[in-house]
């Protein structure tokens, strides 16, 4: 019985890992789309970002792929800025 429960937990972990990988991939795709849009709007002078804001944006975006807390900080920065 314990062997079955252990196998079940391992399977749950594996399924959660697959879900996490899919979400990580989707997050990176969304970040790439976001930066393409921001870059286009900056070139068209629709938005203006200082060099430090670009650095903050890039740093937070990169960090957002590392943890949920960093993603929250990135999202909050975007809400404040835009």
Protein backbone atom coordinates (compact mmCIF):
# COMPACT_ATOMS: atom_id res chain seq x y z
CA UNK A 1 0.00 0.00 0.00
CA UNK A 2 2.80 2.46 0.88
CA UNK A 3 4.51 1.64 -2.40
CA UNK A 4 1.32 2.61 -4.25
CA UNK A 5 1.04 5.88 -2.31
CA UNK A 6 4.68 6.70 -3.00
CA UNK A 7 4.23 6.04 -6.72
CA UNK A 8 1.08 8.19 -6.69
CA UNK A 9 2.94 11.08 -5.04
CA UNK A 10 5.80 10.76 -7.52
CA UNK A 11 3.29 10.85 -10.37
CA UNK A 12 1.66 13.96 -8.84
CA UNK A 13 5.05 15.64 -8.60
CA UNK A 14 5.81 14.77 -12.21
CA UNK A 15 2.45 16.13 -13.39
CA UNK A 16 2.97 19.33 -11.41
CA UNK A 17 6.43 19.70 -12.92
CA UNK A 18 4.97 19.37 -16.41
CA UNK A 19 2.34 22.00 -15.60
CA UNK A 20 5.03 24.30 -14.21
CA UNK A 21 7.16 23.88 -17.32
CA UNK A 22 4.17 24.72 -19.53
CA UNK A 23 3.40 27.81 -17.45
CA UNK A 24 7.07 28.88 -17.51
CA UNK A 25 7.09 28.56 -21.29
CA UNK A 26 3.89 30.58 -21.58
CA UNK A 27 5.26 33.25 -19.23
CA UNK A 28 8.42 33.62 -21.32
CA UNK A 29 6.36 33.89 -24.50
CA UNK A 30 4.17 36.54 -22.87
CA UNK A 31 7.24 38.47 -21.73
CA UNK A 32 8.70 38.38 -25.24
CA UNK A 33 5.41 39.66 -26.69
CA UNK A 34 5.23 42.35 -24.03
CA UNK A 35 8.75 43.59 -24.72
CA UNK A 36 8.13 43.62 -28.46
CA UNK A 37 5.05 45.77 -27.89
CA UNK A 38 6.85 48.09 -25.46
CA UNK A 39 9.79 48.43 -27.86
CA UNK A 40 7.45 49.28 -30.73
CA UNK A 41 5.57 51.85 -28.66
CA UNK A 42 8.84 53.40 -27.50
CA UNK A 43 10.07 53.69 -31.11
CA UNK A 44 6.78 55.34 -32.09
CA UNK A 45 7.13 57.73 -29.12
CA UNK A 46 3.84 56.47 -27.66
CA UNK A 47 5.59 55.80 -24.37
CA UNK A 48 8.77 57.16 -22.88
CA UNK A 49 11.06 55.15 -20.61
CA UNK A 50 14.28 56.37 -19.08
CA UNK A 51 17.36 54.14 -19.25
CA UNK A 52 16.89 53.27 -15.57
CA UNK A 53 13.25 52.32 -16.21
CA UNK A 54 14.35 50.05 -19.08
CA UNK A 55 16.88 48.45 -16.73
CA UNK A 56 14.28 48.00 -14.00
CA UNK A 57 11.81 46.59 -16.50
CA UNK A 58 14.36 44.12 -17.85
CA UNK A 59 15.62 43.08 -14.43
CA UNK A 60 12.15 42.52 -13.04
CA UNK A 61 11.06 40.65 -16.15
CA UNK A 62 14.04 38.31 -15.94
CA UNK A 63 13.52 37.81 -12.21
CA UNK A 64 9.82 37.15 -12.75
CA UNK A 65 10.71 33.86 -14.42
CA UNK A 66 12.44 32.77 -11.21
CA UNK A 67 9.67 33.12 -8.63
CA UNK A 68 6.07 34.10 -8.08
CA UNK A 69 7.08 36.90 -5.73
CA UNK A 70 9.29 38.40 -8.43
CA UNK A 71 6.42 38.09 -10.91
CA UNK A 72 4.23 40.01 -8.44
CA UNK A 73 6.85 42.78 -8.21
CA UNK A 74 7.10 42.94 -11.99
CA UNK A 75 3.34 43.13 -12.39
CA UNK A 76 3.08 45.84 -9.72
CA UNK A 77 5.80 47.86 -11.46
CA UNK A 78 3.87 47.60 -14.75
CA UNK A 79 0.62 48.68 -13.10
CA UNK A 80 2.33 51.70 -11.58
CA UNK A 81 4.15 52.66 -14.78
CA UNK A 82 1.40 52.02 -17.30
